[in-house]
Amino acid sequence: MQKNILIVAGHPDLSRSLANRTILDEVAAQLPQAEIRKLSERYPDYRIDVAAEQAALQNADVIVWQFPFSWYALPGLMKVWLDEVFLHGFAHGSKGVLGGKKLILSFTTGAPEAAYARDGLMRHTIEDYLAAFESTAILCGLDLQPAVYTCGIGYTTRNNEAAIAAQREAAKEHARRLLAAIEAV
């Protein structure tokens, strides 16, 4: 059975992204049938077409949220998208229509993985920060899959060719793991 795959890309400016753009490009090349909705291109003014977004979600079997971890959560535009699209009576409640769909969180962090440890800079693991996403999935009846993430993707090394190449390769590896996660559901 062919799965309808929807990828909601929440990077605030994909033209400035290295990792998220590379991840999306790699996934698009391997899954040309997947619908990729780049929020920054669709809604630079933050005016979300709620009906169009709800229709895309309704048609999906697998939903991927692709984003840079921003202040330990979704970036601003993607949070606006969630607030406006995931309404009671659509995303949750007795008439919610998203129940049973698979949800995969796919994200990058600026800080290195070592920072996300109990004894690290953040004093919390990545999994600690995912509780709100888990609650959202539970409320909406979404089947939350294990997250796919890559740490240490930052802007501070963008003037170093070796660091750029390493980030690009890390993003390609991330895309391979995301493709495997999509295939597994």
N, C-alpha and C. Protein backbone atom coordinates (compact mmCIF):
# COMPACT_ATOMS: atom_id res chain seq x y z
N MET A 1 0.83 -1.19 0.00
CA MET A 1 0.00 0.00 0.00
C MET A 1 0.87 1.25 0.00
N GLN A 2 0.59 2.16 -0.88
CA GLN A 2 1.31 3.43 -0.96
C GLN A 2 0.89 4.33 0.19
N LYS A 3 1.87 4.87 0.91
CA LYS A 3 1.59 5.78 2.01
C LYS A 3 1.60 7.21 1.49
N ASN A 4 0.62 8.00 1.90
CA ASN A 4 0.63 9.42 1.60
C ASN A 4 1.47 10.11 2.67
N ILE A 5 2.58 10.69 2.23
CA ILE A 5 3.55 11.28 3.14
C ILE A 5 3.49 12.79 3.01
N LEU A 6 3.32 13.45 4.13
CA LEU A 6 3.29 14.91 4.20
C LEU A 6 4.45 15.37 5.07
N ILE A 7 5.28 16.24 4.54
CA ILE A 7 6.39 16.80 5.30
C ILE A 7 6.12 18.29 5.45
N VAL A 8 6.01 18.72 6.69
CA VAL A 8 5.79 20.14 7.00
C VAL A 8 7.13 20.69 7.45
N ALA A 9 7.70 21.56 6.62
CA ALA A 9 9.03 22.13 6.89
C ALA A 9 8.86 23.47 7.59
N GLY A 10 9.34 23.53 8.83
CA GLY A 10 9.12 24.71 9.65
C GLY A 10 10.30 25.64 9.80
N HIS A 11 11.37 25.44 9.02
CA HIS A 11 12.50 26.36 9.13
C HIS A 11 12.03 27.76 8.75
N PRO A 12 12.39 28.78 9.52
CA PRO A 12 11.89 30.13 9.24
C PRO A 12 12.43 30.74 7.95
N ASP A 13 13.56 30.24 7.44
CA ASP A 13 14.13 30.77 6.20
C ASP A 13 15.02 29.71 5.57
N LEU A 14 14.43 28.84 4.77
CA LEU A 14 15.18 27.74 4.16
C LEU A 14 16.29 28.22 3.24
N SER A 15 16.19 29.43 2.73
CA SER A 15 17.25 29.95 1.85
C SER A 15 18.55 30.14 2.63
N ARG A 16 18.47 30.28 3.94
CA ARG A 16 19.66 30.44 4.78
C ARG A 16 20.06 29.15 5.48
N SER A 17 19.30 28.11 5.26
CA SER A 17 19.56 26.84 5.94
C SER A 17 20.53 25.99 5.13
N LEU A 18 21.39 25.31 5.81
CA LEU A 18 22.22 24.30 5.17
C LEU A 18 21.63 22.91 5.46
N ALA A 19 21.47 22.59 6.73
CA ALA A 19 21.05 21.24 7.11
C ALA A 19 19.60 20.95 6.75
N ASN A 20 18.67 21.79 7.18
CA ASN A 20 17.26 21.50 6.90
C ASN A 20 16.98 21.48 5.41
N ARG A 21 17.60 22.38 4.67
CA ARG A 21 17.42 22.39 3.21
C ARG A 21 18.00 21.11 2.60
N THR A 22 19.18 20.69 3.06
CA THR A 22 19.79 19.46 2.54
C THR A 22 18.93 18.25 2.87
N ILE A 23 18.42 18.18 4.09
CA ILE A 23 17.55 17.07 4.49
C ILE A 23 16.33 17.00 3.55
N LEU A 24 15.69 18.13 3.35
CA LEU A 24 14.51 18.16 2.49
C LEU A 24 14.84 17.79 1.05
N ASP A 25 15.95 18.28 0.54
CA ASP A 25 16.36 17.95 -0.83
C ASP A 25 16.62 16.46 -1.00
N GLU A 26 17.30 15.87 -0.01
CA GLU A 26 17.60 14.44 -0.07
C GLU A 26 16.31 13.61 -0.01
N VAL A 27 15.41 13.98 0.88
CA VAL A 27 14.15 13.24 1.01
C VAL A 27 13.31 13.40 -0.26
N ALA A 28 13.26 14.61 -0.80
CA ALA A 28 12.49 14.84 -2.03
C ALA A 28 13.03 14.01 -3.19
N ALA A 29 14.34 13.86 -3.25
CA ALA A 29 14.94 13.07 -4.34
C ALA A 29 14.58 11.59 -4.20
N GLN A 30 14.50 11.09 -2.97
CA GLN A 30 14.20 9.67 -2.74
C GLN A 30 12.71 9.37 -2.68
N LEU A 31 11.92 10.38 -2.29
CA LEU A 31 10.47 10.20 -2.16
C LEU A 31 9.75 11.30 -2.95
N PRO A 32 9.83 11.25 -4.26
CA PRO A 32 9.22 12.34 -5.05
C PRO A 32 7.70 12.43 -4.88
N GLN A 33 7.07 11.34 -4.40
CA GLN A 33 5.63 11.37 -4.20
C GLN A 33 5.24 12.08 -2.90
N ALA A 34 6.19 12.33 -2.02
CA ALA A 34 5.89 13.01 -0.75
C ALA A 34 5.54 14.47 -1.02
N GLU A 35 4.57 14.96 -0.28
CA GLU A 35 4.22 16.38 -0.37
C GLU A 35 5.04 17.13 0.69
N ILE A 36 5.82 18.10 0.23
CA ILE A 36 6.63 18.90 1.15
C ILE A 36 6.07 20.31 1.14
N ARG A 37 5.62 20.74 2.31
CA ARG A 37 5.03 22.08 2.47
C ARG A 37 6.03 22.94 3.24
N LYS A 38 6.69 23.83 2.54
CA LYS A 38 7.70 24.71 3.12
C LYS A 38 7.00 25.97 3.63
N LEU A 39 6.80 26.01 4.94
CA LEU A 39 6.01 27.09 5.53
C LEU A 39 6.60 28.47 5.26
N SER A 40 7.92 28.60 5.27
CA SER A 40 8.53 29.92 5.06
C SER A 40 8.28 30.45 3.65
N GLU A 41 8.13 29.56 2.69
CA GLU A 41 7.83 29.98 1.32
C GLU A 41 6.33 30.23 1.13
N ARG A 42 5.52 29.41 1.75
CA ARG A 42 4.06 29.55 1.62
C ARG A 42 3.52 30.73 2.41
N TYR A 43 4.10 30.97 3.58
CA TYR A 43 3.52 31.95 4.50
C TYR A 43 4.57 32.91 5.08
N PRO A 44 5.27 33.65 4.21
CA PRO A 44 6.27 34.58 4.74
C PRO A 44 5.63 35.68 5.60
N ASP A 45 4.33 35.89 5.40
CA ASP A 45 3.60 36.89 6.18
C ASP A 45 2.90 36.28 7.40
N TYR A 46 3.12 34.98 7.62
CA TYR A 46 2.53 34.25 8.75
C TYR A 46 1.01 34.13 8.66
N ARG A 47 0.45 34.34 7.48
CA ARG A 47 -1.00 34.18 7.29
C ARG A 47 -1.25 32.80 6.73
N ILE A 48 -1.62 31.91 7.60
CA ILE A 48 -1.75 30.49 7.28
C ILE A 48 -3.09 30.23 6.60
N ASP A 49 -3.07 29.49 5.50
CA ASP A 49 -4.29 29.04 4.84
C ASP A 49 -4.72 27.77 5.58
N VAL A 50 -5.53 27.95 6.59
CA VAL A 50 -5.91 26.86 7.48
C VAL A 50 -6.60 25.73 6.71
N ALA A 51 -7.52 26.05 5.84
CA ALA A 51 -8.25 25.01 5.09
C ALA A 51 -7.29 24.17 4.25
N ALA A 52 -6.33 24.82 3.59
CA ALA A 52 -5.37 24.09 2.74
C ALA A 52 -4.48 23.19 3.60
N GLU A 53 -4.05 23.68 4.73
CA GLU A 53 -3.19 22.89 5.61
C GLU A 53 -3.96 21.72 6.22
N GLN A 54 -5.19 21.95 6.60
CA GLN A 54 -5.99 20.86 7.15
C GLN A 54 -6.28 19.80 6.09
N ALA A 55 -6.52 20.22 4.86
CA ALA A 55 -6.75 19.26 3.78
C ALA A 55 -5.51 18.39 3.55
N ALA A 56 -4.34 19.02 3.57
CA ALA A 56 -3.10 18.26 3.38
C ALA A 56 -2.90 17.25 4.51
N LEU A 57 -3.17 17.67 5.73
CA LEU A 57 -3.04 16.77 6.87
C LEU A 57 -4.04 15.62 6.79
N GLN A 58 -5.24 15.93 6.39
CA GLN A 58 -6.29 14.90 6.30
C GLN A 58 -5.92 13.83 5.28
N ASN A 59 -5.25 14.23 4.21
CA ASN A 59 -4.87 13.31 3.14
C ASN A 59 -3.66 12.45 3.50
N ALA A 60 -2.94 12.82 4.54
CA ALA A 60 -1.68 12.14 4.88
C ALA A 60 -1.90 10.90 5.74
N ASP A 61 -1.04 9.92 5.51
CA ASP A 61 -0.95 8.76 6.39
C ASP A 61 0.21 8.94 7.37
N VAL A 62 1.28 9.54 6.86
CA VAL A 62 2.49 9.81 7.63
C VAL A 62 2.75 11.30 7.57
N ILE A 63 2.91 11.91 8.74
CA ILE A 63 3.18 13.35 8.84
C ILE A 63 4.56 13.51 9.46
N VAL A 64 5.41 14.28 8.78
CA VAL A 64 6.75 14.57 9.29
C VAL A 64 6.82 16.06 9.57
N TRP A 65 7.27 16.40 10.75
CA TRP A 65 7.56 17.81 11.06
C TRP A 65 9.07 17.96 11.00
N GLN A 66 9.54 18.71 10.02
CA GLN A 66 10.98 18.95 9.83
C GLN A 66 11.27 20.38 10.26
N PHE A 67 12.17 20.56 11.23
CA PHE A 67 12.41 21.90 11.76
C PHE A 67 13.73 21.97 12.52
N PRO A 68 14.24 23.19 12.67
CA PRO A 68 15.36 23.39 13.58
C PRO A 68 14.80 23.61 14.99
N PHE A 69 15.34 22.92 15.95
CA PHE A 69 14.94 23.05 17.35
C PHE A 69 15.22 24.50 17.76
N SER A 70 14.19 25.24 18.08
CA SER A 70 14.33 26.67 18.36
C SER A 70 13.87 26.96 19.78
N TRP A 71 14.80 27.34 20.62
CA TRP A 71 14.49 27.57 22.03
C TRP A 71 13.74 26.38 22.61
N TYR A 72 14.22 25.17 22.25
CA TYR A 72 13.75 23.90 22.81
C TYR A 72 12.33 23.56 22.37
N ALA A 73 11.91 24.07 21.23
CA ALA A 73 10.55 23.85 20.74
C ALA A 73 10.52 24.09 19.22
N LEU A 74 9.32 24.30 18.71
CA LEU A 74 9.12 24.63 17.30
C LEU A 74 9.56 26.07 17.02
N PRO A 75 10.05 26.36 15.82
CA PRO A 75 10.30 27.75 15.43
C PRO A 75 8.97 28.52 15.37
N GLY A 76 9.04 29.84 15.45
CA GLY A 76 7.85 30.68 15.53
C GLY A 76 6.80 30.43 14.46
N LEU A 77 7.19 30.39 13.19
CA LEU A 77 6.22 30.19 12.12
C LEU A 77 5.53 28.84 12.25
N MET A 78 6.29 27.82 12.62
CA MET A 78 5.68 26.50 12.76
C MET A 78 4.75 26.46 13.97
N LYS A 79 5.06 27.18 15.00
CA LYS A 79 4.18 27.26 16.17
C LYS A 79 2.88 27.97 15.80
N VAL A 80 2.96 29.04 15.01
CA VAL A 80 1.75 29.71 14.53
C VAL A 80 0.93 28.73 13.70
N TRP A 81 1.60 27.98 12.81
CA TRP A 81 0.93 26.98 11.99
C TRP A 81 0.19 25.98 12.88
N LEU A 82 0.86 25.46 13.90
CA LEU A 82 0.24 24.50 14.81
C LEU A 82 -0.96 25.11 15.52
N ASP A 83 -0.79 26.33 16.04
CA ASP A 83 -1.88 26.99 16.76
C ASP A 83 -3.12 27.20 15.89
N GLU A 84 -2.90 27.56 14.64
CA GLU A 84 -4.03 27.89 13.76
C GLU A 84 -4.64 26.68 13.05
N VAL A 85 -3.85 25.64 12.84
CA VAL A 85 -4.32 24.49 12.06
C VAL A 85 -4.86 23.37 12.96
N PHE A 86 -4.25 23.14 14.08
CA PHE A 86 -4.63 22.03 14.96
C PHE A 86 -5.76 22.45 15.90
N LEU A 87 -6.88 22.77 15.32
CA LEU A 87 -8.03 23.26 16.07
C LEU A 87 -8.86 22.13 16.66
N HIS A 88 -9.57 22.44 17.74
CA HIS A 88 -10.52 21.50 18.32
C HIS A 88 -11.60 21.23 17.27
N GLY A 89 -11.97 19.98 17.13
CA GLY A 89 -12.95 19.61 16.11
C GLY A 89 -12.30 19.20 14.81
N PHE A 90 -11.02 19.51 14.65
CA PHE A 90 -10.25 19.02 13.50
C PHE A 90 -9.13 18.10 13.99
N ALA A 91 -8.24 18.65 14.78
CA ALA A 91 -7.08 17.87 15.22
C ALA A 91 -7.38 17.04 16.47
N HIS A 92 -8.31 17.49 17.26
CA HIS A 92 -8.63 16.78 18.50
C HIS A 92 -10.08 17.04 18.87
N GLY A 93 -10.53 16.35 19.89
CA GLY A 93 -11.93 16.42 20.27
C GLY A 93 -12.70 15.27 19.64
N SER A 94 -13.97 15.18 19.94
CA SER A 94 -14.77 14.04 19.49
C SER A 94 -14.89 13.96 17.97
N LYS A 95 -14.67 15.06 17.28
CA LYS A 95 -14.74 15.04 15.81
C LYS A 95 -13.36 15.16 15.16
N GLY A 96 -12.30 15.00 15.93
CA GLY A 96 -10.94 15.08 15.40
C GLY A 96 -10.70 14.04 14.32
N VAL A 97 -9.94 14.40 13.29
CA VAL A 97 -9.74 13.51 12.14
C VAL A 97 -8.30 13.02 11.97
N LEU A 98 -7.42 13.37 12.90
CA LEU A 98 -6.02 12.99 12.73
C LEU A 98 -5.66 11.68 13.40
N GLY A 99 -6.57 11.12 14.17
CA GLY A 99 -6.30 9.90 14.92
C GLY A 99 -5.78 8.77 14.04
N GLY A 100 -4.72 8.12 14.52
CA GLY A 100 -4.15 6.98 13.82
C GLY A 100 -3.07 7.31 12.82
N LYS A 101 -2.95 8.57 12.44
CA LYS A 101 -1.88 8.96 11.51
C LYS A 101 -0.54 8.90 12.25
N LYS A 102 0.50 8.56 11.53
CA LYS A 102 1.85 8.49 12.10
C LYS A 102 2.46 9.89 12.09
N LEU A 103 3.14 10.25 13.18
CA LEU A 103 3.83 11.53 13.27
C LEU A 103 5.29 11.27 13.59
N ILE A 104 6.17 11.84 12.76
CA ILE A 104 7.61 11.74 12.98
C ILE A 104 8.16 13.16 13.16
N LEU A 105 8.84 13.38 14.27
CA LEU A 105 9.54 14.64 14.50
C LEU A 105 10.95 14.48 13.95
N SER A 106 11.34 15.39 13.09
CA SER A 106 12.66 15.37 12.47
C SER A 106 13.24 16.76 12.64
N PHE A 107 14.33 16.86 13.43
CA PHE A 107 14.83 18.20 13.72
C PHE A 107 16.34 18.23 13.91
N THR A 108 16.86 19.43 13.83
CA THR A 108 18.27 19.68 14.07
C THR A 108 18.40 20.60 15.27
N THR A 109 19.52 20.49 15.97
CA THR A 109 19.80 21.41 17.07
C THR A 109 21.10 22.13 16.78
N GLY A 110 21.21 23.33 17.31
CA GLY A 110 22.47 24.06 17.16
C GLY A 110 23.53 23.55 18.12
N ALA A 111 23.12 23.23 19.33
CA ALA A 111 24.06 22.76 20.35
C ALA A 111 24.49 21.33 20.06
N PRO A 112 25.71 20.99 20.44
CA PRO A 112 26.17 19.60 20.26
C PRO A 112 25.43 18.65 21.18
N GLU A 113 25.46 17.38 20.84
CA GLU A 113 24.72 16.37 21.62
C GLU A 113 25.14 16.35 23.09
N ALA A 114 26.41 16.57 23.38
CA ALA A 114 26.90 16.56 24.76
C ALA A 114 26.20 17.61 25.63
N ALA A 115 25.72 18.68 25.03
CA ALA A 115 25.02 19.72 25.79
C ALA A 115 23.68 19.22 26.31
N TYR A 116 23.12 18.21 25.64
CA TYR A 116 21.81 17.66 26.03
C TYR A 116 22.00 16.41 26.90
N ALA A 117 22.56 16.62 28.05
CA ALA A 117 22.76 15.55 29.03
C ALA A 117 22.47 16.15 30.40
N ARG A 118 22.13 15.29 31.33
CA ARG A 118 21.82 15.78 32.68
C ARG A 118 22.97 16.59 33.26
N ASP A 119 24.20 16.21 32.93
CA ASP A 119 25.36 16.94 33.43
C ASP A 119 25.94 17.89 32.37
N GLY A 120 25.19 18.09 31.29
CA GLY A 120 25.63 18.98 30.22
C GLY A 120 25.11 20.39 30.41
N LEU A 121 25.40 21.22 29.45
CA LEU A 121 25.02 22.63 29.50
C LEU A 121 23.52 22.83 29.73
N MET A 122 22.68 22.06 29.07
CA MET A 122 21.22 22.25 29.14
C MET A 122 20.59 21.60 30.37
N ARG A 123 21.29 20.64 31.00
CA ARG A 123 20.79 19.92 32.18
C ARG A 123 19.57 19.04 31.88
N HIS A 124 19.27 18.88 30.61
CA HIS A 124 18.15 18.04 30.17
C HIS A 124 18.57 17.29 28.92
N THR A 125 17.97 16.12 28.74
CA THR A 125 18.19 15.36 27.51
C THR A 125 17.23 15.86 26.43
N ILE A 126 17.51 15.52 25.20
CA ILE A 126 16.59 15.83 24.10
C ILE A 126 15.21 15.26 24.43
N GLU A 127 15.17 14.03 24.92
CA GLU A 127 13.89 13.37 25.21
C GLU A 127 13.07 14.16 26.23
N ASP A 128 13.74 14.84 27.18
CA ASP A 128 13.01 15.67 28.14
C ASP A 128 12.20 16.75 27.43
N TYR A 129 12.78 17.32 26.41
CA TYR A 129 12.11 18.41 25.69
C TYR A 129 10.97 17.91 24.80
N LEU A 130 10.89 16.63 24.57
CA LEU A 130 9.88 16.09 23.66
C LEU A 130 8.54 15.80 24.34
N ALA A 131 8.44 16.03 25.63
CA ALA A 131 7.19 15.75 26.36
C ALA A 131 6.01 16.53 25.79
N ALA A 132 6.20 17.79 25.44
CA ALA A 132 5.09 18.58 24.89
C ALA A 132 4.64 18.02 23.54
N PHE A 133 5.57 17.54 22.74
CA PHE A 133 5.21 16.93 21.46
C PHE A 133 4.43 15.63 21.69
N GLU A 134 4.86 14.86 22.69
CA GLU A 134 4.16 13.63 23.02
C GLU A 134 2.73 13.94 23.47
N SER A 135 2.56 14.97 24.29
CA SER A 135 1.22 15.36 24.74
C SER A 135 0.35 15.79 23.58
N THR A 136 0.92 16.53 22.64
CA THR A 136 0.18 16.95 21.44
C THR A 136 -0.28 15.72 20.66
N ALA A 137 0.62 14.78 20.47
CA ALA A 137 0.27 13.56 19.74
C ALA A 137 -0.84 12.79 20.45
N ILE A 138 -0.74 12.67 21.76
CA ILE A 138 -1.77 11.95 22.53
C ILE A 138 -3.12 12.64 22.38
N LEU A 139 -3.14 13.95 22.56
CA LEU A 139 -4.39 14.71 22.44
C LEU A 139 -5.04 14.52 21.08
N CYS A 140 -4.22 14.46 20.04
CA CYS A 140 -4.73 14.38 18.67
C CYS A 140 -4.89 12.94 18.17
N GLY A 141 -4.52 11.98 19.00
CA GLY A 141 -4.63 10.59 18.57
C GLY A 141 -3.59 10.20 17.53
N LEU A 142 -2.53 10.99 17.42
CA LEU A 142 -1.46 10.69 16.48
C LEU A 142 -0.55 9.61 17.06
N ASP A 143 -0.04 8.78 16.21
CA ASP A 143 0.88 7.72 16.60
C ASP A 143 2.30 8.26 16.47
N LEU A 144 2.83 8.80 17.58
CA LEU A 144 4.16 9.42 17.57
C LEU A 144 5.23 8.36 17.45
N GLN A 145 6.07 8.51 16.46
CA GLN A 145 7.18 7.60 16.22
C GLN A 145 8.45 8.15 16.88
N PRO A 146 9.49 7.34 17.02
CA PRO A 146 10.73 7.86 17.59
C PRO A 146 11.25 9.05 16.76
N ALA A 147 11.74 10.05 17.46
CA ALA A 147 12.25 11.26 16.79
C ALA A 147 13.55 10.96 16.04
N VAL A 148 13.74 11.69 14.96
CA VAL A 148 14.98 11.65 14.20
C VAL A 148 15.61 13.02 14.36
N TYR A 149 16.80 13.07 14.94
CA TYR A 149 17.41 14.38 15.14
C TYR A 149 18.92 14.33 14.99
N THR A 150 19.47 15.49 14.71
CA THR A 150 20.92 15.66 14.57
C THR A 150 21.32 16.90 15.34
N CYS A 151 22.27 16.73 16.22
CA CYS A 151 22.75 17.85 17.05
C CYS A 151 23.99 18.49 16.43
N GLY A 152 24.27 19.70 16.88
CA GLY A 152 25.50 20.37 16.48
C GLY A 152 25.45 21.04 15.12
N ILE A 153 24.25 21.38 14.66
CA ILE A 153 24.10 22.06 13.37
C ILE A 153 23.91 23.54 13.67
N GLY A 154 24.95 24.32 13.51
CA GLY A 154 24.86 25.74 13.85
C GLY A 154 25.33 26.64 12.74
N TYR A 155 25.13 27.92 12.95
CA TYR A 155 25.54 28.93 11.97
C TYR A 155 26.95 29.46 12.23
N THR A 156 27.50 29.18 13.39
CA THR A 156 28.76 29.80 13.77
C THR A 156 29.95 29.32 12.96
N THR A 157 29.84 28.17 12.31
CA THR A 157 30.97 27.64 11.54
C THR A 157 30.76 27.79 10.04
N ARG A 158 29.87 28.65 9.62
CA ARG A 158 29.54 28.75 8.20
C ARG A 158 30.64 29.39 7.35
N ASN A 159 31.69 29.88 7.96
CA ASN A 159 32.80 30.43 7.17
C ASN A 159 33.96 29.44 7.09
N ASN A 160 33.74 28.22 7.50
CA ASN A 160 34.76 27.18 7.51
C ASN A 160 34.32 26.07 6.57
N GLU A 161 35.04 25.89 5.47
CA GLU A 161 34.63 24.92 4.44
C GLU A 161 34.55 23.49 4.98
N ALA A 162 35.48 23.12 5.85
CA ALA A 162 35.46 21.76 6.41
C ALA A 162 34.22 21.57 7.29
N ALA A 163 33.87 22.58 8.07
CA ALA A 163 32.68 22.49 8.93
C ALA A 163 31.41 22.46 8.08
N ILE A 164 31.37 23.21 7.01
CA ILE A 164 30.22 23.20 6.11
C ILE A 164 30.06 21.82 5.49
N ALA A 165 31.15 21.24 5.04
CA ALA A 165 31.10 19.89 4.46
C ALA A 165 30.64 18.87 5.49
N ALA A 166 31.10 19.00 6.74
CA ALA A 166 30.70 18.08 7.80
C ALA A 166 29.21 18.22 8.10
N GLN A 167 28.71 19.45 8.13
CA GLN A 167 27.28 19.66 8.37
C GLN A 167 26.45 19.11 7.22
N ARG A 168 26.91 19.31 6.01
CA ARG A 168 26.17 18.78 4.86
C ARG A 168 26.12 17.25 4.93
N GLU A 169 27.23 16.62 5.29
CA GLU A 169 27.25 15.16 5.40
C GLU A 169 26.36 14.70 6.56
N ALA A 170 26.37 15.42 7.66
CA ALA A 170 25.49 15.08 8.79
C ALA A 170 24.02 15.20 8.38
N ALA A 171 23.70 16.19 7.57
CA ALA A 171 22.33 16.36 7.09
C ALA A 171 21.93 15.23 6.15
N LYS A 172 22.85 14.78 5.31
CA LYS A 172 22.56 13.65 4.42
C LYS A 172 22.33 12.37 5.23
N GLU A 173 23.13 12.18 6.27
CA GLU A 173 22.95 11.02 7.15
C GLU A 173 21.60 11.12 7.87
N HIS A 174 21.25 12.32 8.30
CA HIS A 174 19.94 12.55 8.93
C HIS A 174 18.84 12.16 7.95
N ALA A 175 18.95 12.59 6.71
CA ALA A 175 17.94 12.26 5.70
C ALA A 175 17.83 10.75 5.52
N ARG A 176 18.95 10.04 5.53
CA ARG A 176 18.91 8.57 5.42
C ARG A 176 18.14 7.96 6.59
N ARG A 177 18.37 8.47 7.78
CA ARG A 177 17.65 7.95 8.95
C ARG A 177 16.17 8.30 8.89
N LEU A 178 15.86 9.50 8.41
CA LEU A 178 14.46 9.88 8.26
C LEU A 178 13.75 9.01 7.22
N LEU A 179 14.40 8.78 6.11
CA LEU A 179 13.82 7.91 5.08
C LEU A 179 13.56 6.50 5.63
N ALA A 180 14.49 5.99 6.43
CA ALA A 180 14.30 4.68 7.04
C ALA A 180 13.12 4.69 8.01
N ALA A 181 12.97 5.78 8.76
CA ALA A 181 11.84 5.89 9.71
C ALA A 181 10.52 5.94 8.96
N ILE A 182 10.48 6.67 7.85
CA ILE A 182 9.26 6.75 7.05
C ILE A 182 8.94 5.38 6.47
N GLU A 183 9.95 4.71 5.97
CA GLU A 183 9.76 3.39 5.37
C GLU A 183 9.25 2.38 6.42
N ALA A 184 9.69 2.53 7.66
CA ALA A 184 9.36 1.57 8.72
C ALA A 184 7.90 1.66 9.19
N VAL A 185 7.24 2.77 8.95
CA VAL A 185 5.86 2.91 9.46
C VAL A 185 4.83 2.41 8.45
